[in-house]
Protein backbone atom coordinates (compact mmCIF):
# COMPACT_ATOMS: atom_id res chain seq x y z
CA MET A 1 16.68 -9.58 8.55
CA SER A 2 13.07 -8.44 8.21
CA LYS A 3 12.08 -5.23 6.43
CA VAL A 4 8.94 -3.22 7.18
CA TYR A 5 7.54 -1.04 4.40
CA THR A 6 4.57 1.24 5.01
CA VAL A 7 2.69 2.19 1.85
CA THR A 8 0.95 5.54 2.18
CA SER A 9 -0.49 8.48 0.27
CA GLY A 10 -1.62 12.02 0.90
CA LYS A 11 -5.15 11.33 -0.28
CA GLY A 12 -7.43 8.43 -1.08
CA GLY A 13 -8.20 7.14 -4.53
CA VAL A 14 -4.65 6.88 -5.85
CA GLY A 15 -4.44 3.08 -5.73
CA LYS A 16 -2.38 2.80 -2.56
CA THR A 17 -4.02 -0.41 -1.35
CA THR A 18 -3.77 -2.00 -4.78
CA ILE A 19 -0.03 -1.27 -4.82
CA ALA A 20 0.47 -2.62 -1.29
CA VAL A 21 -1.43 -5.85 -1.99
CA ASN A 22 0.21 -6.58 -5.33
CA LEU A 23 3.65 -5.71 -3.99
CA GLY A 24 3.12 -8.26 -1.24
CA VAL A 25 1.98 -10.94 -3.69
CA SER A 26 4.89 -10.18 -6.01
CA LEU A 27 7.43 -10.51 -3.19
CA SER A 28 5.83 -13.80 -2.18
CA ARG A 29 6.13 -15.06 -5.75
CA MET A 30 9.84 -14.30 -5.44
CA ARG A 31 9.87 -16.78 -2.54
CA LYS A 32 10.18 -14.08 0.07
CA LYS A 33 8.17 -14.75 3.21
CA THR A 34 5.81 -11.79 3.11
CA ILE A 35 2.77 -10.53 4.97
CA VAL A 36 0.44 -7.66 4.09
CA VAL A 37 -0.99 -5.85 7.11
CA ASP A 38 -4.11 -3.73 6.62
CA ALA A 39 -3.59 -0.88 9.07
CA ASP A 40 -6.41 1.21 7.60
CA LEU A 41 -8.59 0.45 10.59
CA ALA A 42 -11.56 2.50 9.44
CA MET A 43 -11.73 1.73 5.72
CA GLY A 44 -9.54 -1.31 5.17
CA GLY A 45 -9.70 -2.81 1.69
CA VAL A 46 -6.97 -5.45 1.54
CA ALA A 47 -9.31 -8.38 2.21
CA ALA A 48 -11.77 -7.24 -0.46
CA ILE A 49 -9.08 -6.94 -3.14
CA LEU A 50 -7.80 -10.43 -2.35
CA GLY A 51 -11.23 -12.03 -2.09
CA LEU A 52 -10.99 -12.83 1.62
CA ASP A 53 -14.68 -12.95 2.44
CA GLU A 54 -14.49 -14.84 5.74
CA THR A 55 -12.21 -13.20 8.31
CA PRO A 56 -13.76 -13.86 11.74
CA VAL A 57 -10.67 -12.58 13.57
CA THR A 58 -8.95 -9.44 12.27
CA LEU A 59 -6.53 -6.73 13.32
CA HIS A 60 -9.48 -5.04 15.06
CA GLU A 61 -9.73 -7.93 17.52
CA VAL A 62 -5.96 -8.15 17.96
CA LEU A 63 -5.69 -4.45 18.79
CA ALA A 64 -8.66 -4.72 21.13
CA GLY A 65 -7.05 -7.61 23.02
CA LYS A 66 -9.85 -9.95 21.93
CA GLY A 67 -7.90 -12.20 19.57
CA SER A 68 -4.41 -13.51 18.92
CA ILE A 69 -2.23 -12.59 15.97
CA GLU A 70 -2.06 -16.24 14.95
CA LYS A 71 -5.84 -16.50 14.60
CA ALA A 72 -5.98 -13.29 12.57
CA LEU A 73 -3.54 -14.50 9.89
CA TYR A 74 -4.84 -15.72 6.55
CA GLN A 75 -3.19 -16.96 3.39
CA THR A 76 -4.48 -16.37 -0.11
CA GLN A 77 -2.93 -16.13 -3.55
CA GLY A 78 0.42 -17.09 -2.10
CA VAL A 79 0.67 -14.24 0.40
CA ASN A 80 -0.04 -14.00 4.12
CA VAL A 81 -2.51 -11.35 5.23
CA LEU A 82 -3.46 -9.68 8.50
CA PRO A 83 -6.70 -7.96 7.46
CA SER A 84 -8.51 -5.06 9.08
CA GLY A 85 -12.04 -5.57 10.30
CA HIS A 86 -15.10 -4.20 8.57
CA THR A 87 -17.33 -3.10 11.44
CA ILE A 88 -17.57 0.31 13.11
CA ARG A 89 -17.79 -1.38 16.50
CA GLY A 90 -14.53 -3.22 15.92
CA PHE A 91 -12.87 -0.05 14.71
CA LEU A 92 -13.93 1.88 17.82
CA LYS A 93 -12.72 -0.85 20.17
CA SER A 94 -9.29 -1.29 18.58
CA ASN A 95 -6.27 0.43 20.09
CA PRO A 96 -3.89 1.65 17.32
CA LYS A 97 -1.05 2.05 19.83
CA LYS A 98 -0.78 -1.73 20.02
CA LEU A 99 0.23 -1.94 16.35
CA ASN A 100 3.87 -1.52 17.27
CA GLY A 101 3.86 -4.76 19.26
CA VAL A 102 2.04 -6.59 16.46
CA ILE A 103 4.63 -5.54 13.89
CA ASP A 104 7.49 -6.48 16.22
CA LYS A 105 6.13 -10.03 16.42
CA LEU A 106 5.62 -10.28 12.66
CA THR A 107 9.18 -9.20 11.90
CA LYS A 108 10.39 -12.31 13.69
CA LYS A 109 8.52 -14.53 11.20
CA TYR A 110 8.59 -12.71 7.87
CA ASP A 111 11.19 -11.35 5.47
CA TYR A 112 8.90 -8.48 4.45
CA VAL A 113 6.04 -6.79 6.27
CA ILE A 114 4.00 -4.57 3.94
CA ILE A 115 1.70 -2.19 5.82
CA ASP A 116 -1.20 -0.55 4.05
CA SER A 117 -1.64 2.75 5.88
CA PRO A 118 -4.70 4.99 6.01
CA PRO A 119 -4.46 7.81 3.45
CA GLY A 120 -3.87 11.39 4.54
CA LEU A 121 -2.82 12.55 7.97
CA ASN A 122 -4.61 11.65 11.18
CA LYS A 123 -3.92 9.87 14.47
CA TYR A 124 -4.52 6.51 12.81
CA SER A 125 -1.99 7.09 10.04
CA LEU A 126 0.92 8.27 12.19
CA ILE A 127 1.49 4.96 13.96
CA PRO A 128 1.87 2.87 10.76
CA LEU A 129 4.44 5.43 9.62
CA LYS A 130 6.41 5.29 12.85
CA VAL A 131 6.69 1.50 12.88
CA ALA A 132 8.13 1.37 9.34
CA ASP A 133 11.74 0.89 8.41
CA GLU A 134 10.96 2.77 5.21
CA VAL A 135 7.94 4.48 3.69
CA LEU A 136 6.70 4.19 0.11
CA LEU A 137 4.70 7.18 -1.11
CA VAL A 138 2.01 6.55 -3.74
CA VAL A 139 0.72 9.32 -5.99
CA THR A 140 -1.07 9.72 -9.27
CA PRO A 141 0.42 12.26 -11.72
CA ASP A 142 -1.93 15.10 -10.84
CA HIS A 143 -1.53 18.20 -8.70
CA PRO A 144 -4.07 17.36 -5.94
CA ALA A 145 -2.42 14.00 -5.23
CA VAL A 146 1.10 15.40 -5.25
CA GLN A 147 0.20 18.43 -3.14
CA ALA A 148 -1.53 16.28 -0.52
CA THR A 149 1.41 13.89 -0.38
CA ALA A 150 3.87 16.79 -0.10
CA LYS A 151 2.08 17.83 3.11
CA LEU A 152 2.29 14.27 4.38
CA ARG A 153 5.98 14.15 3.47
CA SER A 154 6.67 17.15 5.69
CA VAL A 155 5.15 15.30 8.65
CA ILE A 156 7.12 12.15 7.85
CA ASP A 157 10.28 14.25 8.03
CA VAL A 158 9.25 15.52 11.48
CA VAL A 159 8.71 12.01 12.87
CA ASN A 160 12.07 11.06 11.38
CA VAL A 161 11.06 8.09 9.24
CA ASN A 162 13.05 7.24 6.12
CA VAL A 163 11.24 7.58 2.79
CA ARG A 164 12.44 4.97 0.30
CA GLY A 165 10.81 6.70 -2.67
CA VAL A 166 7.61 7.37 -4.55
CA VAL A 167 5.50 5.13 -6.77
CA VAL A 168 3.64 6.96 -9.54
CA ASN A 169 0.44 5.06 -10.20
CA ARG A 170 -1.94 5.21 -13.19
CA SER A 171 0.59 6.93 -15.39
CA ARG A 172 -0.56 7.55 -18.93
CA LYS A 173 0.42 9.58 -21.94
CA PRO A 174 -2.28 11.95 -23.20
CA SER A 175 -3.55 11.13 -26.66
CA PHE A 176 -2.82 13.42 -29.56
CA LEU A 177 -6.52 14.20 -29.84
CA ALA A 178 -6.74 15.09 -26.16
CA GLY A 179 -3.84 17.46 -26.63
CA LEU A 180 -5.57 19.19 -29.51
CA MET A 181 -8.66 19.63 -27.35
CA GLY A 182 -6.63 21.36 -24.67
CA ALA A 183 -6.39 18.55 -22.10
CA LYS A 184 -3.77 19.22 -19.45
CA LYS A 185 -0.67 17.05 -19.52
CA PRO A 186 0.12 14.91 -16.46
CA ILE A 187 2.70 16.57 -14.27
CA SER A 188 6.24 15.46 -14.99
CA ASN A 189 8.27 12.93 -13.04
CA GLU A 190 10.86 15.64 -12.42
CA HIS A 191 8.22 17.83 -10.75
CA ILE A 192 7.01 14.93 -8.59
CA GLU A 193 10.54 14.12 -7.40
CA HIS A 194 11.27 17.78 -6.66
CA ARG A 195 7.98 18.34 -4.83
CA LEU A 196 8.24 15.18 -2.72
CA LYS A 197 12.01 15.40 -2.19
CA THR A 198 12.61 11.79 -3.17
CA LYS A 199 13.21 9.63 -6.20
CA ILE A 200 10.62 7.74 -8.22
CA LEU A 201 11.04 4.02 -7.61
CA GLU A 202 8.62 2.87 -10.26
CA THR A 203 5.92 4.18 -12.59
CA ILE A 204 2.83 1.97 -12.83
CA PRO A 205 0.98 2.53 -16.11
CA GLU A 206 -2.78 2.90 -16.43
CA ASP A 207 -3.92 -0.64 -17.14
CA SER A 208 -7.42 -2.06 -17.55
CA ALA A 209 -6.14 -5.36 -16.16
CA VAL A 210 -6.05 -3.80 -12.69
CA ILE A 211 -9.81 -3.11 -12.66
CA GLU A 212 -10.49 -6.51 -14.20
CA SER A 213 -8.46 -8.22 -11.47
CA MET A 214 -10.32 -6.37 -8.73
CA ASN A 215 -13.66 -7.42 -10.21
CA VAL A 216 -12.66 -11.08 -9.93
CA LYS A 217 -11.02 -10.52 -6.51
CA LYS A 218 -7.51 -11.39 -7.59
CA SER A 219 -4.21 -9.57 -7.50
CA VAL A 220 -3.27 -8.30 -10.95
CA VAL A 221 0.19 -9.91 -10.78
CA ILE A 222 -1.57 -13.29 -10.63
CA TYR A 223 -4.59 -12.48 -12.81
CA LYS A 224 -2.55 -11.08 -15.69
CA PRO A 225 1.16 -11.43 -14.85
CA LYS A 226 2.29 -10.15 -18.24
CA SER A 227 0.18 -6.99 -18.19
CA PRO A 228 2.02 -3.63 -18.10
CA ALA A 229 0.95 -2.93 -14.51
CA SER A 230 2.03 -6.38 -13.33
CA LYS A 231 5.45 -6.05 -14.93
CA ALA A 232 5.96 -2.66 -13.27
CA ILE A 233 4.91 -3.98 -9.86
CA ASP A 234 7.26 -6.96 -10.23
CA ALA A 235 10.05 -4.52 -11.08
CA LEU A 236 9.23 -2.55 -7.92
CA ALA A 237 9.37 -5.73 -5.84
CA LYS A 238 12.76 -6.66 -7.29
CA ASN A 239 14.03 -3.17 -6.55
CA LEU A 240 12.92 -3.31 -2.92
CA SER A 241 14.31 -6.80 -2.39
CA LYS A 242 17.86 -5.93 -3.46
């Protein structure tokens, strides 16, 4: 039976797309038939992270009725991808309401459908939430990210979608020197769970391998599979596949 996970966040810049992409690759490496769908129609970044430079047919065309799902599917680094387009014209012509039908068709072919949702709350982010079986919240351990995601969580409750849990990205321990200089400590996991009313599924450590992998257009779980971030993402994938 197929499972649809929508990966979302209250604000941009927390690494949501990186988590969605690498989660999809990790599940594929576990021999699960997986597809990553870039539902961030305005600012999609899945193709860029995976080095998909040539995508003549994308989700924009599918949602505009100008292309088939089959022609918009690509495979790279072991995972299947349905990328978003990169033009304003394509974005304006696409009809987000058709996403539900697209996901329905994909669930008949794949074990896991990972949807990268637009950050924040707008008419383009609600539909990817509604089509999910479960939602994964992504935050960084700072108050702005958690506060923004808490607002999003309240809306998710209203639309009655199940939240599987939260992924804390870019977690790091402050250095002793930073503490002496008065640097604020990252907010605690206990505070994050209380504020977002859900459990932490995995904590992804700050890891230079992630930036390095993006610079060479590879997923970090393939670029450096033994790096701390890769190990944490693999652990998340194993958790979700149980």
